[in-house]
Amino acid sequence: MTKGAATTKRIGVLMGGESSERDISIRSGLAIYQGLQEMGYNSVPIDISKDVMAALKKDKVKLAFLALHGGIGENGAIQGMLEVLGIPYTGSGVLASALAMDKEASKKIFIYHGLPVAPFTVVTRRQKGKGQKTSDSPIPSPDFPLPWVVKPVAEGSSIGVSIIKEEKDLPSCLEKAFSFDQRVMIEKFIPGQEVHIGILGQKALGGVEVRPSLEFYNYEAKYTSGLTDYIIPPEIDDATYEKSKDIALKAHTALGCSGASRVDLRIDDTHTPYVLEVNTLPGMTTTSLLPKIAKAAGLSFNDLIEEIIRLALKE
């Protein structure tokens, strides 16, 4: 067993929670914990659905390795708690985490920085008084053509996402998305290739093109082995690849992200990369994209873990 070199601090691997991505978070967390054990780190797994503050104190955690996806684990809440407790943690800070999780806020920041994004509009479901039904804002008529993508504003892993080819399907798809969030985005679907760029320490590691066998890269395609082909490097020309990496790094920087992130892009037939979102806590499972990208860049899974720890301690 090789002794971990990045720190001798007691590391708590935070995973689980109550979000819709709980199962994936646990898979990520256990993979990270196994890697830490293999490298000889003093580490402990912690499910945040229990009394996380008591667990951090009981286990004398001095560094939090976040393997959280969605909900309070990725929206800045856990990060804020760790700030108050004075415990350093992996990934982005409070504000960057909150901005990246909110697709409406992040898109507005990307637009401000001149980064290409798909046209979009947002529908809000407003709560009325106690015991009364909810009241939705009027369903807008998007001023961009079909097909459309309907997605919750603050969910990950493509949960609650639909692609609409006929306007009559909009109400039912909005209802589906509203079951996950009070705000729903209607976005122009960008036909073309989907490319994900890995960022590590303010540097673009490289990218992977995803080709799902299903209609799009949804939850099932992401986490079921064999349903998606992964092409590394992406089958795009060199100039477009470099442009994609540059835009991805600018998106990461625009939100103030740190540590490791994954930036999701769609590339249309004019070779223009459009930013979909920035994932501040990318998956770390056996089918996850960041470890695949890191491997192609010469970093093993355990190398990636160590580098993420080093970056957290430098912040």
Protein backbone atom coordinates (compact mmCIF):
# COMPACT_ATOMS: atom_id res chain seq x y z
CA MET A 1 0.00 0.00 0.00
CA THR A 2 1.39 3.38 -1.00
CA LYS A 3 1.16 6.14 1.55
CA GLY A 4 -0.79 9.13 0.22
CA ALA A 5 1.53 12.08 -0.36
CA ALA A 6 -0.83 15.04 -0.61
CA THR A 7 -1.75 15.27 3.08
CA THR A 8 -1.68 13.44 6.41
CA LYS A 9 -4.95 15.11 7.46
CA ARG A 10 -7.95 12.94 8.29
CA ILE A 11 -10.16 12.98 5.19
CA GLY A 12 -13.93 12.63 5.35
CA VAL A 13 -15.53 11.52 2.08
CA LEU A 14 -18.94 13.21 2.08
CA MET A 15 -21.57 11.38 0.03
CA GLY A 16 -25.24 10.47 -0.13
CA GLY A 17 -27.71 13.01 1.16
CA GLU A 18 -31.34 13.30 0.11
CA SER A 19 -31.06 14.64 -3.45
CA SER A 20 -32.37 12.79 -6.51
CA GLU A 21 -28.73 11.93 -7.26
CA ARG A 22 -28.11 10.17 -3.94
CA ASP A 23 -27.32 6.76 -5.45
CA ILE A 24 -24.74 8.18 -7.87
CA SER A 25 -23.19 10.20 -5.05
CA ILE A 26 -22.74 7.06 -2.98
CA ARG A 27 -21.15 5.26 -5.93
CA SER A 28 -18.76 8.19 -6.42
CA GLY A 29 -18.01 8.39 -2.71
CA LEU A 30 -17.25 4.70 -2.30
CA ALA A 31 -14.95 4.76 -5.36
CA ILE A 32 -13.07 7.74 -3.91
CA TYR A 33 -12.90 6.14 -0.46
CA GLN A 34 -11.50 2.93 -1.97
CA GLY A 35 -8.85 4.94 -3.81
CA LEU A 36 -7.89 6.78 -0.64
CA GLN A 37 -7.61 3.49 1.24
CA GLU A 38 -5.43 2.00 -1.51
CA MET A 39 -3.08 4.99 -1.22
CA GLY A 40 -2.93 4.77 2.55
CA TYR A 41 -4.83 7.93 3.40
CA ASN A 42 -6.48 8.28 6.81
CA SER A 43 -10.06 8.50 5.57
CA VAL A 44 -13.65 7.83 6.56
CA PRO A 45 -16.92 7.70 4.55
CA ILE A 46 -19.71 10.00 5.78
CA ASP A 47 -23.32 9.96 4.58
CA ILE A 48 -24.62 13.52 4.93
CA SER A 49 -28.23 12.33 5.32
CA LYS A 50 -27.30 11.64 8.95
CA ASP A 51 -25.99 14.26 11.43
CA VAL A 52 -23.10 15.42 9.27
CA MET A 53 -21.77 17.98 11.76
CA ALA A 54 -21.67 15.38 14.54
CA ALA A 55 -19.91 12.92 12.21
CA LEU A 56 -17.29 15.47 11.18
CA LYS A 57 -16.58 16.22 14.84
CA LYS A 58 -16.65 12.57 15.98
CA ASP A 59 -14.29 11.44 13.21
CA LYS A 60 -12.01 14.49 13.65
CA VAL A 61 -12.19 15.31 9.92
CA LYS A 62 -9.66 17.92 8.82
CA LEU A 63 -10.38 17.81 5.06
CA ALA A 64 -13.69 17.10 3.32
CA PHE A 65 -13.58 15.30 -0.03
CA LEU A 66 -16.96 16.08 -1.57
CA ALA A 67 -18.56 13.28 -3.57
CA LEU A 68 -21.96 14.96 -3.49
CA HIS A 69 -24.25 15.45 -6.48
CA GLY A 70 -27.27 17.74 -6.55
CA GLY A 71 -29.22 19.38 -3.74
CA ILE A 72 -27.46 20.87 -0.73
CA GLY A 73 -24.28 19.00 -1.60
CA GLU A 74 -23.68 20.90 -4.82
CA ASN A 75 -25.53 24.20 -4.43
CA GLY A 76 -23.17 25.81 -1.92
CA ALA A 77 -24.99 24.81 1.28
CA ILE A 78 -22.56 22.12 2.46
CA GLN A 79 -19.68 24.30 1.30
CA GLY A 80 -20.99 27.13 3.52
CA MET A 81 -21.25 24.81 6.50
CA LEU A 82 -17.67 23.66 6.00
CA GLU A 83 -16.53 27.29 5.73
CA VAL A 84 -18.14 28.05 9.10
CA LEU A 85 -16.53 24.96 10.63
CA GLY A 86 -13.13 25.90 9.20
CA ILE A 87 -12.75 22.59 7.34
CA PRO A 88 -11.13 22.82 3.89
CA TYR A 89 -12.97 20.95 1.12
CA THR A 90 -12.55 19.85 -2.46
CA GLY A 91 -14.15 21.60 -5.41
CA SER A 92 -15.59 25.07 -5.83
CA GLY A 93 -16.56 27.54 -3.13
CA VAL A 94 -19.99 28.65 -1.96
CA LEU A 95 -20.80 31.23 -4.65
CA ALA A 96 -19.39 29.29 -7.62
CA SER A 97 -21.24 26.15 -6.50
CA ALA A 98 -24.53 28.03 -6.18
CA LEU A 99 -24.14 29.74 -9.56
CA ALA A 100 -23.18 26.56 -11.42
CA MET A 101 -26.13 24.65 -9.94
CA ASP A 102 -28.56 27.34 -11.11
CA LYS A 103 -28.74 27.01 -14.90
CA GLU A 104 -30.52 30.36 -15.32
CA ALA A 105 -27.96 32.31 -13.28
CA SER A 106 -24.99 30.58 -14.90
CA LYS A 107 -26.29 31.16 -18.43
CA LYS A 108 -26.68 34.87 -17.71
CA ILE A 109 -23.07 34.99 -16.53
CA PHE A 110 -21.90 33.12 -19.64
CA ILE A 111 -23.76 35.64 -21.82
CA TYR A 112 -22.15 38.52 -19.92
CA HIS A 113 -18.73 37.03 -20.67
CA GLY A 114 -19.55 36.56 -24.35
CA LEU A 115 -19.72 32.77 -24.22
CA PRO A 116 -22.13 31.04 -26.62
CA VAL A 117 -25.27 29.53 -25.07
CA ALA A 118 -28.48 28.20 -26.60
CA PRO A 119 -31.47 30.58 -26.59
CA PHE A 120 -33.68 29.94 -23.55
CA THR A 121 -36.59 31.12 -21.45
CA VAL A 122 -37.63 30.21 -17.88
CA VAL A 123 -41.07 29.31 -16.53
CA THR A 124 -41.74 29.67 -12.79
CA ARG A 125 -44.24 27.76 -10.66
CA ARG A 126 -45.26 30.05 -7.82
CA GLN A 127 -46.69 28.75 -4.57
CA LYS A 128 -49.97 30.36 -3.51
CA GLY A 129 -51.38 30.55 0.01
CA LYS A 130 -51.61 27.58 2.37
CA GLY A 131 -54.04 24.94 1.15
CA GLN A 132 -54.35 26.52 -2.29
CA LYS A 133 -53.16 25.18 -5.60
CA THR A 134 -49.96 26.39 -7.20
CA SER A 135 -50.01 29.21 -9.73
CA ASP A 136 -47.75 29.06 -12.77
CA SER A 137 -46.46 32.01 -14.71
CA PRO A 138 -47.95 31.98 -18.23
CA ILE A 139 -46.31 29.44 -20.50
CA PRO A 140 -44.21 31.54 -22.85
CA SER A 141 -44.11 31.01 -26.57
CA PRO A 142 -40.37 30.64 -27.16
CA ASP A 143 -39.09 32.88 -29.92
CA PHE A 144 -36.83 30.12 -31.22
CA PRO A 145 -37.82 27.10 -33.29
CA LEU A 146 -38.42 23.51 -32.21
CA PRO A 147 -37.06 21.15 -31.01
CA TRP A 148 -36.80 22.36 -27.42
CA VAL A 149 -35.16 20.97 -24.31
CA VAL A 150 -37.17 21.26 -21.08
CA LYS A 151 -35.17 20.94 -17.87
CA PRO A 152 -35.37 21.81 -14.16
CA VAL A 153 -33.22 24.88 -13.47
CA ALA A 154 -31.38 23.37 -10.50
CA GLU A 155 -31.11 19.61 -11.04
CA GLY A 156 -28.23 17.51 -12.34
CA SER A 157 -27.68 14.19 -14.14
CA SER A 158 -30.34 15.15 -16.74
CA ILE A 159 -33.06 14.39 -14.19
CA GLY A 160 -36.47 15.66 -15.32
CA VAL A 161 -35.18 16.57 -18.79
CA SER A 162 -37.25 16.12 -21.97
CA ILE A 163 -36.70 16.90 -25.64
CA ILE A 164 -39.80 18.28 -27.36
CA LYS A 165 -40.37 18.05 -31.10
CA GLU A 166 -44.03 19.15 -31.08
CA GLU A 167 -45.41 22.11 -29.11
CA LYS A 168 -48.40 20.08 -27.87
CA ASP A 169 -46.00 18.08 -25.68
CA LEU A 170 -44.83 21.17 -23.79
CA PRO A 171 -47.40 21.17 -20.92
CA SER A 172 -46.77 17.53 -19.94
CA CYS A 173 -42.98 17.98 -20.10
CA LEU A 174 -43.22 21.11 -17.98
CA GLU A 175 -45.20 19.15 -15.39
CA LYS A 176 -42.51 16.49 -15.33
CA ALA A 177 -39.79 19.08 -14.79
CA PHE A 178 -41.87 20.95 -12.19
CA SER A 179 -41.90 17.80 -10.07
CA PHE A 180 -38.20 18.47 -9.45
CA ASP A 181 -37.98 22.27 -9.34
CA GLN A 182 -40.11 25.41 -9.10
CA ARG A 183 -38.27 26.90 -12.08
CA VAL A 184 -38.02 25.18 -15.46
CA MET A 185 -35.94 26.17 -18.45
CA ILE A 186 -37.06 25.83 -22.06
CA GLU A 187 -33.96 25.83 -24.21
CA LYS A 188 -33.37 25.53 -27.93
CA PHE A 189 -32.05 22.06 -28.75
CA ILE A 190 -28.66 22.27 -30.46
CA PRO A 191 -28.28 19.42 -32.96
CA GLY A 192 -24.78 18.08 -33.34
CA GLN A 193 -22.14 16.50 -31.12
CA GLU A 194 -22.01 16.52 -27.34
CA VAL A 195 -18.56 17.07 -25.89
CA HIS A 196 -17.56 17.27 -22.24
CA ILE A 197 -14.34 19.01 -21.20
CA GLY A 198 -12.55 18.21 -17.95
CA ILE A 199 -10.99 21.09 -16.01
CA LEU A 200 -8.39 20.51 -13.31
CA GLY A 201 -6.58 23.32 -11.55
CA GLN A 202 -7.46 26.05 -14.08
CA LYS A 203 -6.32 23.88 -16.98
CA ALA A 204 -8.37 22.02 -19.58
CA LEU A 205 -7.34 18.35 -19.32
CA GLY A 206 -9.07 17.26 -22.51
CA GLY A 207 -12.48 16.08 -23.57
CA VAL A 208 -14.74 13.18 -24.40
CA GLU A 209 -17.52 12.95 -26.97
CA VAL A 210 -20.60 11.09 -25.77
CA ARG A 211 -22.82 9.17 -28.18
CA PRO A 212 -25.81 7.68 -26.35
CA SER A 213 -27.89 4.93 -27.93
CA LEU A 214 -30.98 6.57 -26.38
CA GLU A 215 -32.59 9.80 -27.60
CA PHE A 216 -30.14 11.90 -25.59
CA TYR A 217 -27.56 11.61 -22.82
CA ASN A 218 -30.11 11.15 -20.03
CA TYR A 219 -29.82 9.61 -16.55
CA GLU A 220 -30.16 6.05 -17.87
CA ALA A 221 -27.59 6.59 -20.63
CA LYS A 222 -25.16 8.18 -18.15
CA TYR A 223 -25.23 5.46 -15.52
CA THR A 224 -26.03 2.23 -17.39
CA SER A 225 -22.99 0.49 -18.80
CA GLY A 226 -23.15 -0.12 -22.55
CA LEU A 227 -25.77 2.49 -23.43
CA THR A 228 -23.28 5.19 -24.44
CA ASP A 229 -20.15 5.24 -26.58
CA TYR A 230 -17.32 7.44 -25.31
CA ILE A 231 -14.88 8.80 -27.90
CA ILE A 232 -11.57 10.14 -26.62
CA PRO A 233 -10.44 12.48 -28.04
CA PRO A 234 -13.70 13.76 -29.54
CA GLU A 235 -14.08 13.30 -33.29
CA ILE A 236 -13.96 16.99 -34.10
CA ASP A 237 -11.31 18.95 -35.97
CA ASP A 238 -8.34 20.31 -34.03
CA ALA A 239 -9.43 23.94 -34.24
CA THR A 240 -12.90 23.15 -32.88
CA TYR A 241 -11.39 21.01 -30.12
CA GLU A 242 -9.07 23.81 -29.02
CA LYS A 243 -11.95 26.30 -29.18
CA SER A 244 -14.09 23.94 -27.08
CA LYS A 245 -11.38 23.64 -24.42
CA ASP A 246 -10.89 27.40 -24.39
CA ILE A 247 -14.63 28.10 -24.00
CA ALA A 248 -14.93 25.43 -21.30
CA LEU A 249 -12.09 26.94 -19.27
CA LYS A 250 -13.60 30.42 -19.67
CA ALA A 251 -16.97 29.11 -18.43
CA HIS A 252 -15.29 27.50 -15.40
CA THR A 253 -13.44 30.75 -14.68
CA ALA A 254 -16.47 33.00 -15.27
CA LEU A 255 -18.34 31.26 -12.44
CA GLY A 256 -15.30 31.41 -10.16
CA CYS A 257 -14.91 27.63 -10.03
CA SER A 258 -11.90 25.91 -8.52
CA GLY A 259 -10.50 22.39 -8.23
CA ALA A 260 -11.98 19.98 -10.75
CA SER A 261 -15.04 20.58 -12.91
CA ARG A 262 -16.62 19.23 -16.08
CA VAL A 263 -18.05 21.56 -18.69
CA ASP A 264 -20.76 20.18 -21.00
CA LEU A 265 -20.96 21.52 -24.56
CA ARG A 266 -23.01 20.98 -27.71
CA ILE A 267 -21.23 21.57 -31.02
CA ASP A 268 -23.39 22.43 -34.02
CA ASP A 269 -22.75 21.94 -37.73
CA THR A 270 -20.97 25.33 -37.95
CA HIS A 271 -18.40 24.02 -35.41
CA THR A 272 -19.66 26.43 -32.74
CA PRO A 273 -19.45 25.06 -29.17
CA TYR A 274 -22.39 26.07 -26.93
CA VAL A 275 -22.02 25.88 -23.15
CA LEU A 276 -24.74 23.79 -21.51
CA GLU A 277 -23.52 23.83 -17.92
CA VAL A 278 -20.57 23.52 -15.56
CA ASN A 279 -20.55 20.61 -13.11
CA THR A 280 -18.60 21.63 -10.00
CA LEU A 281 -18.62 18.12 -8.51
CA PRO A 282 -18.35 15.76 -11.49
CA GLY A 283 -19.15 12.09 -11.03
CA MET A 284 -16.34 9.80 -9.91
CA THR A 285 -17.93 6.42 -10.72
CA THR A 286 -16.55 3.76 -13.08
CA THR A 287 -18.66 5.20 -15.93
CA SER A 288 -18.01 8.87 -15.09
CA LEU A 289 -16.49 11.21 -17.63
CA LEU A 290 -13.88 13.14 -15.64
CA PRO A 291 -11.91 9.97 -14.71
CA LYS A 292 -12.03 8.91 -18.39
CA ILE A 293 -10.70 12.30 -19.50
CA ALA A 294 -8.02 12.25 -16.79
CA LYS A 295 -6.90 8.75 -17.81
CA ALA A 296 -6.44 9.89 -21.41
CA ALA A 297 -4.35 12.80 -20.06
CA GLY A 298 -2.10 10.36 -18.18
CA LEU A 299 -3.71 10.49 -14.74
CA SER A 300 -4.96 7.32 -13.10
CA PHE A 301 -8.08 7.44 -10.92
CA ASN A 302 -5.91 7.64 -7.81
CA ASP A 303 -3.70 10.31 -9.41
CA LEU A 304 -6.84 12.35 -10.02
CA ILE A 305 -7.91 11.96 -6.39
CA GLU A 306 -4.50 13.14 -5.17
CA GLU A 307 -4.49 16.15 -7.47
CA ILE A 308 -7.98 17.17 -6.31
CA ILE A 309 -6.75 16.97 -2.70
CA ARG A 310 -3.67 19.08 -3.49
CA LEU A 311 -5.82 21.74 -5.14
CA ALA A 312 -8.17 21.84 -2.13
CA LEU A 313 -5.25 22.42 0.24
CA LYS A 314 -3.85 25.20 -1.95
CA GLU A 315 -7.09 27.22 -1.93
